Amino acid sequence: VDAWVRVSLVGIELLAVEARIVIASVETYLKYAEAVGLTQSAAVPA
């Protein structure tokens, strides 16, 4: 998952890099949580 958010004020980028870091951190956390088994309790049985 990759998203690009750009917030500009008078031509100055404020949140472009920070948004990418947050999204990457959430993706990494979910990937490792699934590998360790932390997300199994939240899964709905089929």
PDB file of N, CA and C in Angstrom:
ATOM      1  N   VAL A   1       0.866  -1.171   0.000  1.00  0.00           N
ATOM      2  CA  VAL A   1       0.000   0.000   0.000  1.00  0.00           C
ATOM      3  C   VAL A   1       0.901   1.218   0.000  1.00  0.00           C
ATOM      4  N   ASP A   2       0.658   2.071  -0.941  1.00  0.00           N
ATOM      5  CA  ASP A   2       1.435   3.301  -1.007  1.00  0.00           C
ATOM      6  C   ASP A   2       0.481   4.431  -1.323  1.00  0.00           C
ATOM      7  N   ALA A   3       0.599   5.490  -0.586  1.00  0.00           N
ATOM      8  CA  ALA A   3      -0.252   6.653  -0.821  1.00  0.00           C
ATOM      9  C   ALA A   3       0.618   7.888  -0.772  1.00  0.00           C
ATOM     10  N   TRP A   4       0.204   8.890  -1.484  1.00  0.00           N
ATOM     11  CA  TRP A   4       0.973  10.120  -1.518  1.00  0.00           C
ATOM     12  C   TRP A   4       0.045  11.260  -1.148  1.00  0.00           C
ATOM     13  N   VAL A   5       0.397  11.963  -0.097  1.00  0.00           N
ATOM     14  CA  VAL A   5      -0.396  13.098   0.360  1.00  0.00           C
ATOM     15  C   VAL A   5       0.509  14.307   0.352  1.00  0.00           C
ATOM     16  N   ARG A   6       0.030  15.370  -0.235  1.00  0.00           N
ATOM     17  CA  ARG A   6       0.831  16.587  -0.269  1.00  0.00           C
ATOM     18  C   ARG A   6      -0.024  17.743   0.234  1.00  0.00           C
ATOM     19  N   VAL A   7       0.443  18.397   1.275  1.00  0.00           N
ATOM     20  CA  VAL A   7      -0.227  19.579   1.804  1.00  0.00           C
ATOM     21  C   VAL A   7       0.736  20.737   1.630  1.00  0.00           C
ATOM     22  N   SER A   8       0.298  21.740   0.895  1.00  0.00           N
ATOM     23  CA  SER A   8       1.177  22.875   0.620  1.00  0.00           C
ATOM     24  C   SER A   8       0.579  24.155   1.180  1.00  0.00           C
ATOM     25  N   LEU A   9       1.444  24.998   1.688  1.00  0.00           N
ATOM     26  CA  LEU A   9       1.042  26.317   2.161  1.00  0.00           C
ATOM     27  C   LEU A   9       2.024  27.304   1.559  1.00  0.00           C
ATOM     28  N   VAL A  10       1.539  28.122   0.653  1.00  0.00           N
ATOM     29  CA  VAL A  10       2.361  29.090  -0.067  1.00  0.00           C
ATOM     30  C   VAL A  10       3.534  28.374  -0.753  1.00  0.00           C
ATOM     31  N   GLY A  11       3.246  27.217  -1.348  1.00  0.00           N
ATOM     32  CA  GLY A  11       4.259  26.500  -2.103  1.00  0.00           C
ATOM     33  C   GLY A  11       5.225  25.680  -1.271  1.00  0.00           C
ATOM     34  N   ILE A  12       5.005  25.576   0.034  1.00  0.00           N
ATOM     35  CA  ILE A  12       5.900  24.803   0.903  1.00  0.00           C
ATOM     36  C   ILE A  12       5.208  23.494   1.263  1.00  0.00           C
ATOM     37  N   GLU A  13       5.851  22.385   0.955  1.00  0.00           N
ATOM     38  CA  GLU A  13       5.281  21.084   1.302  1.00  0.00           C
ATOM     39  C   GLU A  13       5.436  20.853   2.800  1.00  0.00           C
ATOM     40  N   LEU A  14       4.334  20.508   3.453  1.00  0.00           N
ATOM     41  CA  LEU A  14       4.359  20.337   4.896  1.00  0.00           C
ATOM     42  C   LEU A  14       4.283  18.872   5.321  1.00  0.00           C
ATOM     43  N   LEU A  15       3.414  18.106   4.697  1.00  0.00           N
ATOM     44  CA  LEU A  15       3.140  16.762   5.188  1.00  0.00           C
ATOM     45  C   LEU A  15       3.445  15.655   4.193  1.00  0.00           C
ATOM     46  N   ALA A  16       4.125  15.949   3.117  1.00  0.00           N
ATOM     47  CA  ALA A  16       4.331  14.940   2.077  1.00  0.00           C
ATOM     48  C   ALA A  16       5.136  13.757   2.610  1.00  0.00           C
ATOM     49  N   VAL A  17       6.277  14.011   3.200  1.00  0.00           N
ATOM     50  CA  VAL A  17       7.139  12.933   3.674  1.00  0.00           C
ATOM     51  C   VAL A  17       6.535  12.266   4.900  1.00  0.00           C
ATOM     52  N   GLU A  18       5.970  13.036   5.815  1.00  0.00           N
ATOM     53  CA  GLU A  18       5.410  12.469   7.030  1.00  0.00           C
ATOM     54  C   GLU A  18       4.280  11.494   6.733  1.00  0.00           C
ATOM     55  N   ALA A  19       3.440  11.796   5.757  1.00  0.00           N
ATOM     56  CA  ALA A  19       2.332  10.901   5.417  1.00  0.00           C
ATOM     57  C   ALA A  19       2.865   9.566   4.919  1.00  0.00           C
ATOM     58  N   ARG A  20       3.905   9.585   4.116  1.00  0.00           N
ATOM     59  CA  ARG A  20       4.474   8.336   3.595  1.00  0.00           C
ATOM     60  C   ARG A  20       5.076   7.506   4.728  1.00  0.00           C
ATOM     61  N   ILE A  21       5.710   8.141   5.688  1.00  0.00           N
ATOM     62  CA  ILE A  21       6.318   7.421   6.809  1.00  0.00           C
ATOM     63  C   ILE A  21       5.239   6.760   7.665  1.00  0.00           C
ATOM     64  N   VAL A  22       4.153   7.456   7.932  1.00  0.00           N
ATOM     65  CA  VAL A  22       3.078   6.901   8.759  1.00  0.00           C
ATOM     66  C   VAL A  22       2.447   5.703   8.073  1.00  0.00           C
ATOM     67  N   ILE A  23       2.159   5.814   6.785  1.00  0.00           N
ATOM     68  CA  ILE A  23       1.542   4.714   6.047  1.00  0.00           C
ATOM     69  C   ILE A  23       2.480   3.511   6.010  1.00  0.00           C
ATOM     70  N   ALA A  24       3.755   3.750   5.796  1.00  0.00           N
ATOM     71  CA  ALA A  24       4.721   2.653   5.773  1.00  0.00           C
ATOM     72  C   ALA A  24       4.815   1.995   7.149  1.00  0.00           C
ATOM     73  N   SER A  25       4.733   2.786   8.214  1.00  0.00           N
ATOM     74  CA  SER A  25       4.819   2.235   9.559  1.00  0.00           C
ATOM     75  C   SER A  25       3.616   1.358   9.870  1.00  0.00           C
ATOM     76  N   VAL A  26       2.428   1.792   9.486  1.00  0.00           N
ATOM     77  CA  VAL A  26       1.223   1.001   9.730  1.00  0.00           C
ATOM     78  C   VAL A  26       1.279  -0.300   8.943  1.00  0.00           C
ATOM     79  N   GLU A  27       1.710  -0.223   7.693  1.00  0.00           N
ATOM     80  CA  GLU A  27       1.811  -1.429   6.864  1.00  0.00           C
ATOM     81  C   GLU A  27       2.809  -2.413   7.471  1.00  0.00           C
ATOM     82  N   THR A  28       3.947  -1.914   7.914  1.00  0.00           N
ATOM     83  CA  THR A  28       4.965  -2.775   8.518  1.00  0.00           C
ATOM     84  C   THR A  28       4.442  -3.400   9.807  1.00  0.00           C
ATOM     85  N   TYR A  29       3.762  -2.610  10.629  1.00  0.00           N
ATOM     86  CA  TYR A  29       3.209  -3.134  11.882  1.00  0.00           C
ATOM     87  C   TYR A  29       2.217  -4.259  11.612  1.00  0.00           C
ATOM     88  N   LEU A  30       1.309  -4.043  10.664  1.00  0.00           N
ATOM     89  CA  LEU A  30       0.313  -5.068  10.362  1.00  0.00           C
ATOM     90  C   LEU A  30       0.969  -6.331   9.818  1.00  0.00           C
ATOM     91  N   LYS A  31       1.997  -6.162   9.007  1.00  0.00           N
ATOM     92  CA  LYS A  31       2.691  -7.319   8.435  1.00  0.00           C
ATOM     93  C   LYS A  31       3.344  -8.154   9.543  1.00  0.00           C
ATOM     94  N   TYR A  32       4.037  -7.499  10.474  1.00  0.00           N
ATOM     95  CA  TYR A  32       4.692  -8.229  11.548  1.00  0.00           C
ATOM     96  C   TYR A  32       3.686  -8.762  12.563  1.00  0.00           C
ATOM     97  N   ALA A  33       2.612  -8.022  12.812  1.00  0.00           N
ATOM     98  CA  ALA A  33       1.592  -8.490  13.747  1.00  0.00           C
ATOM     99  C   ALA A  33       0.946  -9.765  13.227  1.00  0.00           C
ATOM    100  N   GLU A  34       0.696  -9.827  11.934  1.00  0.00           N
ATOM    101  CA  GLU A  34       0.115 -11.031  11.342  1.00  0.00           C
ATOM    102  C   GLU A  34       1.092 -12.199  11.429  1.00  0.00           C
ATOM    103  N   ALA A  35       2.365 -11.932  11.197  1.00  0.00           N
ATOM    104  CA  ALA A  35       3.378 -12.984  11.249  1.00  0.00           C
ATOM    105  C   ALA A  35       3.512 -13.549  12.664  1.00  0.00           C
ATOM    106  N   VAL A  36       3.385 -12.701  13.663  1.00  0.00           N
ATOM    107  CA  VAL A  36       3.524 -13.135  15.051  1.00  0.00           C
ATOM    108  C   VAL A  36       2.228 -13.772  15.553  1.00  0.00           C
ATOM    109  N   GLY A  37       1.100 -13.423  14.933  1.00  0.00           N
ATOM    110  CA  GLY A  37      -0.185 -13.992  15.333  1.00  0.00           C
ATOM    111  C   GLY A  37      -1.019 -13.049  16.174  1.00  0.00           C
ATOM    112  N   LEU A  38      -0.701 -11.764  16.176  1.00  0.00           N
ATOM    113  CA  LEU A  38      -1.451 -10.805  16.982  1.00  0.00           C
ATOM    114  C   LEU A  38      -2.810 -10.471  16.376  1.00  0.00           C
ATOM    115  N   THR A  39      -2.972 -10.675  15.077  1.00  0.00           N
ATOM    116  CA  THR A  39      -4.223 -10.299  14.422  1.00  0.00           C
ATOM    117  C   THR A  39      -5.202 -11.468  14.326  1.00  0.00           C
ATOM    118  N   GLN A  40      -4.830 -12.644  14.776  1.00  0.00           N
ATOM    119  CA  GLN A  40      -5.717 -13.800  14.649  1.00  0.00           C
ATOM    120  C   GLN A  40      -6.968 -13.653  15.499  1.00  0.00           C
ATOM    121  N   SER A  41      -6.866 -13.040  16.672  1.00  0.00           N
ATOM    122  CA  SER A  41      -8.029 -12.905  17.539  1.00  0.00           C
ATOM    123  C   SER A  41      -9.065 -11.953  16.947  1.00  0.00           C
ATOM    124  N   ALA A  42      -8.644 -11.042  16.082  1.00  0.00           N
ATOM    125  CA  ALA A  42      -9.566 -10.092  15.476  1.00  0.00           C
ATOM    126  C   ALA A  42     -10.179 -10.625  14.189  1.00  0.00           C
ATOM    127  N   ALA A  43      -9.689 -11.750  13.695  1.00  0.00           N
ATOM    128  CA  ALA A  43     -10.191 -12.301  12.438  1.00  0.00           C
ATOM    129  C   ALA A  43     -11.551 -12.956  12.660  1.00  0.00           C
ATOM    130  N   VAL A  44     -12.430 -12.783  11.681  1.00  0.00           N
ATOM    131  CA  VAL A  44     -13.760 -13.390  11.749  1.00  0.00           C
ATOM    132  C   VAL A  44     -13.683 -14.777  11.112  1.00  0.00           C
ATOM    133  N   PRO A  45     -14.088 -15.806  11.834  1.00  0.00           N
ATOM    134  CA  PRO A  45     -14.032 -17.152  11.254  1.00  0.00           C
ATOM    135  C   PRO A  45     -14.964 -17.285  10.057  1.00  0.00           C
ATOM    136  N   ALA A  46     -14.541 -18.005   9.049  1.00  0.00           N
ATOM    137  CA  ALA A  46     -15.351 -18.154   7.830  1.00  0.00           C
ATOM    138  C   ALA A  46     -16.401 -19.234   8.019  1.00  0.00           C
TER     139      ALA A  46
END
